[in-house]
Amino acid sequence: MTLGIAQLIAAYVVLAALLAGLNIFSTLSWLAKALLLIATSAAYLVLYFSFPPLLGWPSGEDLPKRFGLIAVYVQEPDRITGAKGSVFFWVTDKSSSTNVPRAYLLDYDPELHARAREARAKLQKNVPQVGEAVSGDELDLAKMGKPGEERQGAKSHKYTVKFFDAAPEAPPSKTAEMPAPTDDGAAPPPP
């Protein structure tokens, strides 16, 4: 049985109410009672804001340095509502031994949107994509030596995300699947 976020919060509120009831009839000083109630309320807020990452909401952490792209979704900025826009990635970390996908959230950038659109189109054509997050500390050799006016419009990002076609998987070994020969030297018939 799995409880939803509402049931877990309701269970916590019931426990907090029981603590408040016990506080009324306890012999503790009023200062200790007040501190217990404040600590319970603070724990409620910590619990409330701790649930979304556990429920699979996208992480605001940095993308892995090298990752396999599973899906991408772009939310463009909306001038009417003032929404700033976001790019959502669902990726697997290539440096990790576990192949568990994770969702990541990045701020919208037109260049990132264009690269993500190309990667998504290739994914829809069944061409696996590998991404690379290049940190801003690494030098961008394409912009070195360019006049300042060519660099004026460029935004500084923590890192840049690039996509590549994944290397094809190696074909299966032919020797590993071959049946052992029989005494007369002929291979047995296939099953």
C-alpha atoms as a PDB file:
ATOM      1  CA  MET A   1       0.000   0.000   0.000  1.00  0.00           C
ATOM      2  CA  THR A   2       1.406   3.364  -1.017  1.00  0.00           C
ATOM      3  CA  LEU A   3       0.164   6.586   0.509  1.00  0.00           C
ATOM      4  CA  GLY A   4      -0.118   9.763  -1.503  1.00  0.00           C
ATOM      5  CA  ILE A   5       1.267  13.102  -0.425  1.00  0.00           C
ATOM      6  CA  ALA A   6      -2.109  14.202   0.996  1.00  0.00           C
ATOM      7  CA  GLN A   7      -2.408  11.099   3.185  1.00  0.00           C
ATOM      8  CA  LEU A   8       1.150  11.447   4.481  1.00  0.00           C
ATOM      9  CA  ILE A   9       0.653  15.111   5.343  1.00  0.00           C
ATOM     10  CA  ALA A  10      -2.693  14.291   7.010  1.00  0.00           C
ATOM     11  CA  ALA A  11      -0.967  11.615   9.102  1.00  0.00           C
ATOM     12  CA  TYR A  12       1.663  14.153  10.148  1.00  0.00           C
ATOM     13  CA  VAL A  13      -1.020  16.712  11.073  1.00  0.00           C
ATOM     14  CA  VAL A  14      -2.765  14.083  13.247  1.00  0.00           C
ATOM     15  CA  LEU A  15       0.533  13.405  15.052  1.00  0.00           C
ATOM     16  CA  ALA A  16       1.070  17.137  15.518  1.00  0.00           C
ATOM     17  CA  ALA A  17      -2.435  17.486  16.963  1.00  0.00           C
ATOM     18  CA  LEU A  18      -1.737  14.616  19.384  1.00  0.00           C
ATOM     19  CA  LEU A  19       1.484  16.322  20.458  1.00  0.00           C
ATOM     20  CA  ALA A  20      -0.425  19.566  20.991  1.00  0.00           C
ATOM     21  CA  GLY A  21      -2.997  17.704  23.084  1.00  0.00           C
ATOM     22  CA  LEU A  22      -0.291  16.093  25.206  1.00  0.00           C
ATOM     23  CA  ASN A  23       1.373  19.483  25.602  1.00  0.00           C
ATOM     24  CA  ILE A  24      -1.765  20.931  27.149  1.00  0.00           C
ATOM     25  CA  PHE A  25      -1.807  18.424  30.013  1.00  0.00           C
ATOM     26  CA  SER A  26       1.948  18.011  30.503  1.00  0.00           C
ATOM     27  CA  THR A  27       3.906  19.473  33.409  1.00  0.00           C
ATOM     28  CA  LEU A  28       6.523  21.058  31.172  1.00  0.00           C
ATOM     29  CA  SER A  29       7.138  24.780  31.374  1.00  0.00           C
ATOM     30  CA  TRP A  30       5.312  27.011  28.908  1.00  0.00           C
ATOM     31  CA  LEU A  31       8.589  27.817  27.212  1.00  0.00           C
ATOM     32  CA  ALA A  32       9.297  24.123  26.554  1.00  0.00           C
ATOM     33  CA  LYS A  33       5.735  23.628  25.279  1.00  0.00           C
ATOM     34  CA  ALA A  34       6.056  26.589  22.926  1.00  0.00           C
ATOM     35  CA  LEU A  35       9.393  25.317  21.609  1.00  0.00           C
ATOM     36  CA  LEU A  36       7.869  21.865  20.972  1.00  0.00           C
ATOM     37  CA  LEU A  37       4.989  23.409  19.026  1.00  0.00           C
ATOM     38  CA  ILE A  38       7.372  25.579  16.982  1.00  0.00           C
ATOM     39  CA  ALA A  39       9.606  22.576  16.231  1.00  0.00           C
ATOM     40  CA  THR A  40       6.558  20.531  15.158  1.00  0.00           C
ATOM     41  CA  SER A  41       5.382  23.319  12.837  1.00  0.00           C
ATOM     42  CA  ALA A  42       8.869  23.699  11.367  1.00  0.00           C
ATOM     43  CA  ALA A  43       9.065  19.938  10.796  1.00  0.00           C
ATOM     44  CA  TYR A  44       5.701  20.121   9.000  1.00  0.00           C
ATOM     45  CA  LEU A  45       7.088  22.737   6.599  1.00  0.00           C
ATOM     46  CA  VAL A  46      10.285  20.729   6.023  1.00  0.00           C
ATOM     47  CA  LEU A  47       8.201  17.650   5.272  1.00  0.00           C
ATOM     48  CA  TYR A  48       5.933  19.571   2.889  1.00  0.00           C
ATOM     49  CA  PHE A  49       8.830  20.989   0.853  1.00  0.00           C
ATOM     50  CA  SER A  50      10.810  17.726   0.924  1.00  0.00           C
ATOM     51  CA  PHE A  51       8.149  15.678  -0.849  1.00  0.00           C
ATOM     52  CA  PRO A  52       8.282  17.061  -4.421  1.00  0.00           C
ATOM     53  CA  PRO A  53      11.851  15.845  -5.116  1.00  0.00           C
ATOM     54  CA  LEU A  54      10.922  12.421  -3.746  1.00  0.00           C
ATOM     55  CA  LEU A  55       7.866  12.236  -5.985  1.00  0.00           C
ATOM     56  CA  GLY A  56       9.873  12.570  -9.189  1.00  0.00           C
ATOM     57  CA  TRP A  57       9.695  16.285  -9.860  1.00  0.00           C
ATOM     58  CA  PRO A  58      12.591  17.517 -12.008  1.00  0.00           C
ATOM     59  CA  SER A  59      15.817  18.291 -10.219  1.00  0.00           C
ATOM     60  CA  GLY A  60      17.371  21.718 -10.404  1.00  0.00           C
ATOM     61  CA  GLU A  61      20.828  20.168  -9.918  1.00  0.00           C
ATOM     62  CA  ASP A  62      23.479  20.181 -12.646  1.00  0.00           C
ATOM     63  CA  LEU A  63      23.125  17.674 -15.444  1.00  0.00           C
ATOM     64  CA  PRO A  64      25.614  14.789 -15.428  1.00  0.00           C
ATOM     65  CA  LYS A  65      28.746  15.508 -17.465  1.00  0.00           C
ATOM     66  CA  ARG A  66      27.824  12.765 -19.964  1.00  0.00           C
ATOM     67  CA  PHE A  67      24.306  11.364 -20.243  1.00  0.00           C
ATOM     68  CA  GLY A  68      21.968   9.395 -22.441  1.00  0.00           C
ATOM     69  CA  LEU A  69      18.951  11.424 -23.541  1.00  0.00           C
ATOM     70  CA  ILE A  70      15.600   9.684 -23.160  1.00  0.00           C
ATOM     71  CA  ALA A  71      13.216  12.611 -23.669  1.00  0.00           C
ATOM     72  CA  VAL A  72      13.122  16.389 -23.769  1.00  0.00           C
ATOM     73  CA  TYR A  73      10.279  18.869 -23.297  1.00  0.00           C
ATOM     74  CA  VAL A  74      10.576  22.620 -23.848  1.00  0.00           C
ATOM     75  CA  GLN A  75       8.280  25.217 -22.292  1.00  0.00           C
ATOM     76  CA  GLU A  76       8.859  28.505 -24.094  1.00  0.00           C
ATOM     77  CA  PRO A  77       8.676  31.817 -22.229  1.00  0.00           C
ATOM     78  CA  ASP A  78       5.246  33.450 -22.190  1.00  0.00           C
ATOM     79  CA  ARG A  79       5.256  37.233 -22.368  1.00  0.00           C
ATOM     80  CA  ILE A  80       1.599  37.479 -21.401  1.00  0.00           C
ATOM     81  CA  THR A  81       1.861  35.557 -18.121  1.00  0.00           C
ATOM     82  CA  GLY A  82       5.518  36.381 -17.499  1.00  0.00           C
ATOM     83  CA  ALA A  83       6.571  32.713 -17.290  1.00  0.00           C
ATOM     84  CA  LYS A  84      10.310  32.543 -17.929  1.00  0.00           C
ATOM     85  CA  GLY A  85      10.315  29.189 -19.733  1.00  0.00           C
ATOM     86  CA  SER A  86      12.087  25.934 -18.969  1.00  0.00           C
ATOM     87  CA  VAL A  87      13.719  22.961 -20.642  1.00  0.00           C
ATOM     88  CA  PHE A  88      13.041  19.548 -19.101  1.00  0.00           C
ATOM     89  CA  PHE A  89      15.374  16.606 -19.726  1.00  0.00           C
ATOM     90  CA  TRP A  90      14.899  12.962 -18.839  1.00  0.00           C
ATOM     91  CA  VAL A  91      18.344  11.365 -18.896  1.00  0.00           C
ATOM     92  CA  THR A  92      20.469   8.473 -17.672  1.00  0.00           C
ATOM     93  CA  ASP A  93      23.919   9.167 -16.243  1.00  0.00           C
ATOM     94  CA  LYS A  94      26.591   7.497 -18.423  1.00  0.00           C
ATOM     95  CA  SER A  95      29.192   7.629 -15.634  1.00  0.00           C
ATOM     96  CA  SER A  96      26.964   5.764 -13.179  1.00  0.00           C
ATOM     97  CA  SER A  97      26.665   1.989 -13.041  1.00  0.00           C
ATOM     98  CA  THR A  98      22.904   2.265 -12.489  1.00  0.00           C
ATOM     99  CA  ASN A  99      20.854   3.071 -15.545  1.00  0.00           C
ATOM    100  CA  VAL A 100      17.998   4.767 -13.672  1.00  0.00           C
ATOM    101  CA  PRO A 101      16.566   7.805 -15.501  1.00  0.00           C
ATOM    102  CA  ARG A 102      16.247  11.158 -13.761  1.00  0.00           C
ATOM    103  CA  ALA A 103      14.436  14.369 -14.687  1.00  0.00           C
ATOM    104  CA  TYR A 104      16.331  17.676 -14.811  1.00  0.00           C
ATOM    105  CA  LEU A 105      15.136  21.254 -15.233  1.00  0.00           C
ATOM    106  CA  LEU A 106      17.120  24.026 -16.938  1.00  0.00           C
ATOM    107  CA  ASP A 107      16.216  27.632 -17.612  1.00  0.00           C
ATOM    108  CA  TYR A 108      15.037  28.389 -21.124  1.00  0.00           C
ATOM    109  CA  ASP A 109      17.636  29.506 -23.637  1.00  0.00           C
ATOM    110  CA  PRO A 110      16.935  29.860 -27.389  1.00  0.00           C
ATOM    111  CA  GLU A 111      20.184  28.093 -28.338  1.00  0.00           C
ATOM    112  CA  LEU A 112      19.458  25.235 -25.942  1.00  0.00           C
ATOM    113  CA  HIS A 113      15.924  25.054 -27.339  1.00  0.00           C
ATOM    114  CA  ALA A 114      17.265  24.665 -30.882  1.00  0.00           C
ATOM    115  CA  ARG A 115      19.716  21.921 -29.876  1.00  0.00           C
ATOM    116  CA  ALA A 116      17.040  20.150 -27.822  1.00  0.00           C
ATOM    117  CA  ARG A 117      14.610  20.294 -30.763  1.00  0.00           C
ATOM    118  CA  GLU A 118      17.190  18.670 -33.061  1.00  0.00           C
ATOM    119  CA  ALA A 119      17.939  15.969 -30.479  1.00  0.00           C
ATOM    120  CA  ARG A 120      14.225  15.280 -29.985  1.00  0.00           C
ATOM    121  CA  ALA A 121      13.729  14.946 -33.757  1.00  0.00           C
ATOM    122  CA  LYS A 122      16.544  12.396 -33.909  1.00  0.00           C
ATOM    123  CA  LEU A 123      15.079  10.501 -30.961  1.00  0.00           C
ATOM    124  CA  GLN A 124      11.753  10.316 -32.809  1.00  0.00           C
ATOM    125  CA  LYS A 125      13.637   8.744 -35.745  1.00  0.00           C
ATOM    126  CA  ASN A 126      15.075   6.131 -33.316  1.00  0.00           C
ATOM    127  CA  VAL A 127      18.588   7.596 -33.360  1.00  0.00           C
ATOM    128  CA  PRO A 128      19.854   7.385 -29.752  1.00  0.00           C
ATOM    129  CA  GLN A 129      21.295  10.635 -28.424  1.00  0.00           C
ATOM    130  CA  VAL A 130      24.119  11.242 -25.964  1.00  0.00           C
ATOM    131  CA  GLY A 131      24.414  14.588 -24.242  1.00  0.00           C
ATOM    132  CA  GLU A 132      27.368  16.370 -22.759  1.00  0.00           C
ATOM    133  CA  ALA A 133      27.269  19.197 -20.240  1.00  0.00           C
ATOM    134  CA  VAL A 134      30.347  21.368 -20.776  1.00  0.00           C
ATOM    135  CA  SER A 135      31.039  23.659 -17.830  1.00  0.00           C
ATOM    136  CA  GLY A 136      31.467  27.392 -18.300  1.00  0.00           C
ATOM    137  CA  ASP A 137      34.998  27.128 -16.900  1.00  0.00           C
ATOM    138  CA  GLU A 138      36.194  25.321 -20.012  1.00  0.00           C
ATOM    139  CA  LEU A 139      37.306  27.743 -22.696  1.00  0.00           C
ATOM    140  CA  ASP A 140      35.055  28.331 -25.682  1.00  0.00           C
ATOM    141  CA  LEU A 141      37.685  28.378 -28.421  1.00  0.00           C
ATOM    142  CA  ALA A 142      35.194  29.594 -31.035  1.00  0.00           C
ATOM    143  CA  LYS A 143      34.823  32.944 -29.247  1.00  0.00           C
ATOM    144  CA  MET A 144      38.500  33.494 -28.423  1.00  0.00           C
ATOM    145  CA  GLY A 145      40.015  36.419 -30.286  1.00  0.00           C
ATOM    146  CA  LYS A 146      36.638  37.760 -31.457  1.00  0.00           C
ATOM    147  CA  PRO A 147      35.893  41.439 -30.995  1.00  0.00           C
ATOM    148  CA  GLY A 148      33.776  42.379 -27.993  1.00  0.00           C
ATOM    149  CA  GLU A 149      30.771  43.389 -30.082  1.00  0.00           C
ATOM    150  CA  GLU A 150      30.380  39.812 -31.372  1.00  0.00           C
ATOM    151  CA  ARG A 151      30.319  38.557 -27.800  1.00  0.00           C
ATOM    152  CA  GLN A 152      28.020  41.249 -26.372  1.00  0.00           C
ATOM    153  CA  GLY A 153      24.751  39.379 -26.866  1.00  0.00           C
ATOM    154  CA  ALA A 154      26.104  36.090 -25.550  1.00  0.00           C
ATOM    155  CA  LYS A 155      24.715  35.086 -22.186  1.00  0.00           C
ATOM    156  CA  SER A 156      26.944  33.506 -19.586  1.00  0.00           C
ATOM    157  CA  HIS A 157      25.672  30.077 -18.513  1.00  0.00           C
ATOM    158  CA  LYS A 158      26.927  27.690 -15.913  1.00  0.00           C
ATOM    159  CA  TYR A 159      27.387  25.119 -18.647  1.00  0.00           C
ATOM    160  CA  THR A 160      26.469  24.355 -22.231  1.00  0.00           C
ATOM    161  CA  VAL A 161      24.572  21.247 -23.289  1.00  0.00           C
ATOM    162  CA  LYS A 162      25.541  19.524 -26.546  1.00  0.00           C
ATOM    163  CA  PHE A 163      24.019  16.437 -28.172  1.00  0.00           C
ATOM    164  CA  PHE A 164      25.598  13.738 -30.344  1.00  0.00           C
ATOM    165  CA  ASP A 165      24.402  10.578 -32.028  1.00  0.00           C
ATOM    166  CA  ALA A 166      25.171   7.627 -29.761  1.00  0.00           C
ATOM    167  CA  ALA A 167      27.740   5.159 -31.022  1.00  0.00           C
ATOM    168  CA  PRO A 168      26.055   2.077 -32.454  1.00  0.00           C
ATOM    169  CA  GLU A 169      26.011  -0.952 -30.223  1.00  0.00           C
ATOM    170  CA  ALA A 170      28.427  -3.723 -31.140  1.00  0.00           C
ATOM    171  CA  PRO A 171      26.809  -6.596 -33.027  1.00  0.00           C
ATOM    172  CA  PRO A 172      26.413  -9.817 -31.069  1.00  0.00           C
ATOM    173  CA  SER A 173      29.345 -12.183 -31.056  1.00  0.00           C
ATOM    174  CA  LYS A 174      28.877 -14.952 -33.611  1.00  0.00           C
ATOM    175  CA  THR A 175      31.135 -17.388 -31.816  1.00  0.00           C
ATOM    176  CA  ALA A 176      29.286 -17.167 -28.512  1.00  0.00           C
ATOM    177  CA  GLU A 177      25.986 -18.269 -30.027  1.00  0.00           C
ATOM    178  CA  MET A 178      27.267 -21.110 -32.191  1.00  0.00           C
ATOM    179  CA  PRO A 179      26.317 -24.601 -31.010  1.00  0.00           C
ATOM    180  CA  ALA A 180      29.114 -27.009 -30.229  1.00  0.00           C
ATOM    181  CA  PRO A 181      29.905 -29.515 -33.007  1.00  0.00           C
ATOM    182  CA  THR A 182      28.914 -33.162 -32.571  1.00  0.00           C
ATOM    183  CA  ASP A 183      31.233 -36.191 -32.745  1.00  0.00           C
ATOM    184  CA  ASP A 184      30.879 -36.489 -36.523  1.00  0.00           C
ATOM    185  CA  GLY A 185      32.065 -32.844 -36.928  1.00  0.00           C
ATOM    186  CA  ALA A 186      28.698 -31.461 -38.070  1.00  0.00           C
ATOM    187  CA  ALA A 187      26.846 -28.831 -36.116  1.00  0.00           C
ATOM    188  CA  PRO A 188      23.576 -29.982 -34.574  1.00  0.00           C
ATOM    189  CA  PRO A 189      20.386 -28.754 -36.263  1.00  0.00           C
ATOM    190  CA  PRO A 190      19.001 -25.492 -34.913  1.00  0.00           C
ATOM    191  CA  PRO A 191      16.223 -25.864 -32.326  1.00  0.00           C
END
